[in-house]
Protein backbone atom coordinates (compact mmCIF):
# COMPACT_ATOMS: atom_id res chain seq x y z
CA MET A 1 -45.76 -23.97 -11.09
CA THR A 2 -47.23 -23.79 -14.60
CA ARG A 3 -47.35 -20.28 -16.06
CA ILE A 4 -50.32 -19.37 -18.27
CA ALA A 5 -50.77 -16.27 -20.42
CA LEU A 6 -54.47 -15.45 -20.72
CA PHE A 7 -55.34 -13.24 -23.70
CA GLY A 8 -58.71 -11.51 -23.62
CA ALA A 9 -58.66 -11.63 -19.82
CA GLY A 10 -60.97 -8.64 -19.46
CA GLY A 11 -63.70 -9.90 -21.75
CA LYS A 12 -66.88 -11.61 -20.57
CA MET A 13 -65.40 -15.07 -20.99
CA GLY A 14 -61.96 -13.90 -19.91
CA VAL A 15 -63.20 -12.70 -16.52
CA ARG A 16 -64.96 -16.04 -15.99
CA LEU A 17 -61.73 -17.87 -16.76
CA SER A 18 -59.65 -15.49 -14.65
CA THR A 19 -61.97 -16.09 -11.70
CA ASN A 20 -61.62 -19.86 -11.90
CA LEU A 21 -57.88 -19.82 -12.56
CA ALA A 22 -57.42 -17.64 -9.46
CA MET A 23 -58.60 -20.64 -7.42
CA THR A 24 -55.82 -22.90 -8.77
CA ASP A 25 -52.06 -23.10 -8.44
CA PHE A 26 -51.51 -21.86 -12.01
CA ASP A 27 -49.43 -18.69 -12.33
CA VAL A 28 -51.52 -16.49 -14.63
CA ALA A 29 -50.47 -13.39 -16.57
CA HIS A 30 -53.48 -11.41 -17.82
CA VAL A 31 -53.50 -9.65 -21.20
CA GLU A 32 -56.28 -7.30 -22.28
CA VAL A 33 -55.95 -4.55 -24.91
CA SER A 34 -59.29 -2.86 -24.22
CA PRO A 35 -59.23 -0.18 -21.48
CA ALA A 36 -62.82 -1.13 -20.61
CA GLY A 37 -61.79 -4.78 -20.33
CA GLN A 38 -58.79 -3.89 -18.19
CA GLN A 39 -61.04 -1.95 -15.82
CA ARG A 40 -63.61 -4.78 -15.78
CA LEU A 41 -60.92 -7.24 -14.69
CA LYS A 42 -59.58 -4.80 -12.11
CA ASP A 43 -63.04 -4.18 -10.66
CA ALA A 44 -63.98 -7.87 -10.61
CA LEU A 45 -60.78 -9.43 -9.32
CA GLY A 46 -58.28 -6.68 -8.62
CA PHE A 47 -55.89 -7.97 -11.30
CA ASP A 48 -53.66 -5.77 -13.41
CA CYS A 49 -52.92 -6.61 -17.04
CA VAL A 50 -49.47 -6.91 -18.59
CA GLU A 51 -48.12 -6.52 -22.10
CA ALA A 52 -48.17 -9.53 -24.41
CA ASP A 53 -44.40 -10.06 -24.49
CA ALA A 54 -44.19 -10.02 -20.70
CA ALA A 55 -47.11 -12.45 -20.44
CA VAL A 56 -45.71 -15.09 -22.80
CA ALA A 57 -42.19 -14.94 -21.39
CA GLY A 58 -41.73 -18.29 -19.65
CA ALA A 59 -45.34 -19.34 -20.25
CA GLN A 60 -45.94 -23.06 -20.74
CA ALA A 61 -49.48 -22.39 -22.00
CA VAL A 62 -51.41 -19.58 -23.66
CA ILE A 63 -55.21 -19.28 -23.62
CA LEU A 64 -56.90 -17.25 -26.36
CA ALA A 65 -60.19 -16.15 -24.78
CA VAL A 66 -61.28 -14.06 -27.75
CA PRO A 67 -64.29 -14.29 -30.13
CA ASP A 68 -64.17 -16.64 -33.12
CA THR A 69 -64.04 -13.70 -35.50
CA HIS A 70 -60.84 -12.42 -33.83
CA ILE A 71 -58.98 -15.71 -33.30
CA GLY A 72 -57.13 -15.61 -36.61
CA ARG A 73 -55.86 -12.07 -36.13
CA VAL A 74 -54.91 -12.55 -32.47
CA ALA A 75 -53.24 -15.91 -33.12
CA ALA A 76 -51.23 -14.44 -36.01
CA ASP A 77 -49.88 -11.84 -33.58
CA VAL A 78 -49.34 -14.11 -30.56
CA VAL A 79 -48.09 -17.43 -31.96
CA PRO A 80 -44.82 -16.06 -33.44
CA ARG A 81 -43.91 -14.77 -29.96
CA LEU A 82 -44.15 -18.19 -28.32
CA ALA A 83 -41.32 -20.48 -27.30
CA PRO A 84 -41.21 -23.95 -28.88
CA GLY A 85 -43.35 -26.43 -26.99
CA THR A 86 -45.93 -23.89 -25.81
CA VAL A 87 -49.48 -25.21 -25.51
CA VAL A 88 -52.01 -22.85 -27.15
CA VAL A 89 -55.52 -23.38 -25.78
CA ILE A 90 -58.46 -22.36 -28.00
CA LEU A 91 -61.98 -22.29 -26.56
CA ASP A 92 -63.95 -23.23 -29.68
CA ALA A 93 -63.39 -25.49 -32.68
CA ALA A 94 -64.69 -23.08 -35.34
CA ALA A 95 -61.54 -21.07 -36.08
CA PRO A 96 -59.15 -24.08 -35.86
CA TYR A 97 -61.43 -26.15 -38.11
CA ALA A 98 -61.62 -23.29 -40.61
CA GLY A 99 -57.83 -23.08 -40.79
CA HIS A 100 -57.41 -19.71 -39.07
CA LEU A 101 -54.50 -20.76 -36.84
CA PRO A 102 -50.92 -20.02 -37.98
CA GLU A 103 -48.90 -23.00 -39.12
CA ARG A 104 -46.13 -23.75 -36.68
CA ALA A 105 -45.04 -27.32 -36.11
CA ASP A 106 -43.17 -26.79 -32.83
CA ILE A 107 -46.13 -25.69 -30.71
CA THR A 108 -49.27 -27.48 -29.52
CA TYR A 109 -52.84 -26.53 -30.38
CA PHE A 110 -55.37 -27.79 -27.82
CA ILE A 111 -59.08 -27.09 -28.29
CA THR A 112 -61.65 -27.30 -25.50
CA HIS A 113 -65.30 -26.32 -25.10
CA PRO A 114 -67.90 -26.66 -22.34
CA CYS A 115 -71.00 -28.82 -22.71
CA HIS A 116 -72.76 -26.54 -20.16
CA PRO A 117 -74.69 -27.94 -17.18
CA PRO A 118 -77.26 -30.51 -18.33
CA ILE A 119 -81.01 -30.11 -17.95
CA TYR A 120 -81.15 -33.31 -15.91
CA ASN A 121 -78.75 -32.92 -13.01
CA ASP A 122 -78.41 -33.32 -9.27
CA GLU A 123 -77.87 -29.68 -8.35
CA VAL A 124 -79.44 -28.83 -5.01
CA THR A 125 -78.01 -25.42 -4.11
CA PRO A 126 -79.60 -22.18 -5.36
CA GLU A 127 -76.24 -21.24 -6.92
CA GLY A 128 -76.01 -24.55 -8.77
CA LYS A 129 -79.58 -24.36 -10.02
CA ALA A 130 -79.06 -20.80 -11.26
CA ASP A 131 -75.76 -21.55 -13.04
CA HIS A 132 -77.18 -22.34 -16.48
CA PHE A 133 -73.99 -21.41 -18.35
CA GLY A 134 -71.58 -23.32 -16.12
CA GLY A 135 -68.17 -22.51 -14.74
CA ILE A 136 -69.50 -21.17 -11.44
CA ALA A 137 -71.39 -23.66 -9.28
CA ALA A 138 -73.08 -26.25 -11.51
CA LYS A 139 -71.25 -29.34 -12.70
CA GLN A 140 -70.77 -29.76 -16.43
CA ALA A 141 -68.99 -31.97 -18.94
CA ILE A 142 -66.36 -30.70 -21.36
CA VAL A 143 -64.90 -31.76 -24.70
CA CYS A 144 -61.18 -31.62 -25.51
CA ALA A 145 -59.16 -32.14 -28.70
CA LEU A 146 -55.42 -32.30 -29.25
CA MET A 147 -55.22 -30.71 -32.68
CA GLN A 148 -51.44 -30.97 -32.94
CA GLY A 149 -48.55 -31.56 -30.59
CA PRO A 150 -47.11 -34.38 -28.47
CA ARG A 151 -49.53 -36.67 -26.67
CA ALA A 152 -47.98 -35.66 -23.34
CA HIS A 153 -49.42 -32.17 -23.80
CA TYR A 154 -52.99 -33.49 -23.69
CA ASP A 155 -52.78 -33.88 -19.93
CA LEU A 156 -51.77 -30.23 -19.42
CA GLY A 157 -54.47 -29.03 -21.81
CA GLU A 158 -57.15 -31.07 -20.06
CA ARG A 159 -55.96 -29.88 -16.64
CA ILE A 160 -56.33 -26.29 -17.80
CA ALA A 161 -59.76 -27.07 -19.29
CA ARG A 162 -60.96 -28.63 -16.05
CA ALA A 163 -59.79 -25.53 -14.18
CA ILE A 164 -61.39 -22.90 -16.40
CA TYR A 165 -64.71 -24.76 -16.70
CA ALA A 166 -64.89 -26.01 -13.11
CA PRO A 167 -66.69 -27.84 -11.63
CA VAL A 168 -66.28 -30.54 -14.30
CA MET A 169 -67.96 -33.93 -13.96
CA ARG A 170 -66.78 -35.56 -17.22
CA SER A 171 -64.20 -34.86 -19.90
CA HIS A 172 -64.64 -36.29 -23.41
CA GLU A 173 -61.73 -36.53 -25.83
CA VAL A 174 -62.76 -35.81 -29.42
CA THR A 175 -61.19 -34.66 -32.68
CA VAL A 176 -61.45 -31.08 -33.90
CA ALA A 177 -63.80 -32.24 -36.67
CA GLN A 178 -66.02 -34.04 -34.18
CA MET A 179 -66.13 -30.93 -32.01
CA ALA A 180 -67.13 -28.89 -35.07
CA MET A 181 -70.02 -31.27 -35.73
CA LEU A 182 -71.12 -30.92 -32.12
CA GLU A 183 -70.96 -27.13 -32.50
CA PRO A 184 -72.28 -25.51 -34.61
CA GLY A 185 -73.88 -28.65 -36.11
CA LEU A 186 -75.72 -30.29 -33.23
CA SER A 187 -75.93 -27.54 -30.63
CA GLU A 188 -76.60 -24.45 -32.76
CA THR A 189 -77.82 -25.38 -36.24
CA VAL A 190 -80.17 -28.06 -34.90
CA CYS A 191 -80.80 -27.49 -31.19
CA ALA A 192 -80.86 -23.68 -31.12
CA SER A 193 -83.03 -23.62 -34.26
CA LEU A 194 -85.54 -26.11 -32.87
CA MET A 195 -85.64 -24.36 -29.49
CA THR A 196 -86.38 -21.11 -31.32
CA VAL A 197 -89.21 -22.86 -33.16
CA LEU A 198 -90.55 -24.10 -29.81
CA ARG A 199 -90.63 -20.53 -28.50
CA GLN A 200 -92.35 -19.37 -31.69
CA ALA A 201 -94.85 -22.21 -31.32
CA MET A 202 -95.61 -21.13 -27.75
CA ASP A 203 -96.21 -17.54 -28.89
CA GLU A 204 -98.44 -18.79 -31.73
CA CYS A 205 -100.45 -20.87 -29.29
CA VAL A 206 -100.99 -17.80 -27.11
CA LEU A 207 -102.00 -15.72 -30.14
CA ARG A 208 -104.44 -18.24 -31.58
CA SER A 209 -106.04 -19.61 -28.43
CA GLY A 210 -106.02 -16.63 -26.11
CA VAL A 211 -104.45 -18.68 -23.32
CA SER A 212 -102.05 -16.66 -21.17
CA LYS A 213 -98.33 -16.68 -21.83
CA ASP A 214 -97.66 -18.00 -18.32
CA CYS A 215 -100.07 -20.86 -18.86
CA ALA A 216 -98.57 -21.80 -22.24
CA ARG A 217 -95.03 -21.53 -20.82
CA ASP A 218 -95.83 -23.76 -17.85
CA PHE A 219 -97.52 -26.30 -20.10
CA LEU A 220 -94.70 -26.36 -22.66
CA LEU A 221 -91.76 -26.47 -20.23
CA GLY A 222 -93.42 -29.16 -18.16
CA HIS A 223 -94.00 -31.33 -21.20
CA MET A 224 -90.48 -30.65 -22.46
CA ASN A 225 -89.23 -31.98 -19.14
CA ILE A 226 -91.03 -35.32 -19.20
CA LEU A 227 -90.86 -35.84 -22.98
CA GLY A 228 -87.12 -35.12 -22.94
CA ALA A 229 -86.58 -37.44 -19.98
CA VAL A 230 -88.10 -40.33 -21.93
CA ILE A 231 -86.57 -39.50 -25.33
CA PHE A 232 -83.06 -39.04 -23.91
CA GLU A 233 -83.35 -42.08 -21.63
CA GLU A 234 -83.19 -40.16 -18.38
CA ARG A 235 -86.05 -42.36 -17.24
CA VAL A 236 -87.77 -45.47 -18.54
CA GLY A 237 -91.12 -44.69 -20.09
CA VAL A 238 -93.27 -44.89 -23.19
CA PHE A 239 -95.50 -42.38 -24.92
CA SER A 240 -99.22 -42.85 -25.29
CA ASP A 241 -100.65 -44.01 -28.60
CA ALA A 242 -102.05 -40.50 -29.08
CA CYS A 243 -98.63 -38.92 -28.57
CA ASN A 244 -96.97 -41.36 -30.96
CA LYS A 245 -99.62 -40.54 -33.58
CA ALA A 246 -98.98 -36.82 -33.09
CA ILE A 247 -95.24 -37.37 -33.58
CA GLU A 248 -95.84 -39.47 -36.69
CA PHE A 249 -97.90 -36.64 -38.17
CA GLY A 250 -95.86 -33.76 -36.79
CA ILE A 251 -92.34 -34.58 -37.96
CA PRO A 252 -93.17 -34.58 -41.71
CA VAL A 253 -95.03 -31.28 -41.29
CA LEU A 254 -92.24 -29.61 -39.34
CA MET A 255 -89.10 -31.07 -40.93
CA LYS A 256 -87.88 -31.39 -44.50
CA ASP A 257 -87.07 -34.93 -45.62
CA ASP A 258 -83.40 -33.98 -46.12
CA TRP A 259 -82.92 -32.05 -42.87
CA LYS A 260 -80.03 -34.29 -41.79
CA ARG A 261 -77.88 -32.77 -44.52
CA VAL A 262 -76.94 -30.14 -41.92
CA PHE A 263 -74.49 -32.80 -40.72
CA ASP A 264 -72.81 -33.22 -44.11
CA TRP A 265 -69.22 -32.12 -43.81
CA ASP A 266 -69.57 -29.54 -46.58
CA GLU A 267 -72.47 -27.95 -44.71
CA ILE A 268 -70.55 -28.02 -41.40
CA THR A 269 -67.65 -26.32 -43.18
CA ALA A 270 -69.93 -23.73 -44.77
CA SER A 271 -71.57 -23.01 -41.41
CA ILE A 272 -68.20 -22.47 -39.74
CA LYS A 273 -67.06 -20.18 -42.53
CA ARG A 274 -70.16 -18.08 -41.96
CA ILE A 275 -69.37 -17.90 -38.26
CA THR A 276 -65.70 -17.01 -38.61
């Protein structure tokens, strides 16, 4: 049986992971320094927390379920305690990409992150439809990167990733740099920004036209559904000439000519430094 030490077990993400790991054959030791987090874990799952040294003793893997801003400090404390060959699982590429992990050649660093359940899916249960974040009832894809360590450790890292993010429909192997471009580059800098603009546009439409918020929301989300299905090749279709003309006019008004510089590596690095 594989022993895992889960740090940050009483946090929001930690409780999610603890819940999913409890449904596997992994032997999990839970570590949480916050009294509130300890109580949260106890109330949710009935689990008691242990001290860090007791948790890592005999552990083949360690999961750091802590915020990006704390990864460096927590890793600096935990990594020196680990036996050679331990697999350290990090849940986001930001801190590893920024160089916040301690240098130690005899351990493995494995990075994994959820893609979250897609907009276009085959969920039919109320639980699946309501699981927008993932890790409860809706299927999602994940990304995994072996930052350092023997190739054989990838299988263990991916097995842990599939357990903590279950149910998983696909697993994509990427590099740490590629994961950093996916987030924050693609998912946050671009997607979250444009989604925020869409919400602001909806509010502006309500303000200027006097149409109700419910009406504008229904109209926008419905069009997002069909437009996205065509643009992202979920279904075969073409836009009307009028729509294509609107796009041709709209993009130059909404976007700077050099907007794709957000994907330049120096900008990705700068973005991650701001995050961490």
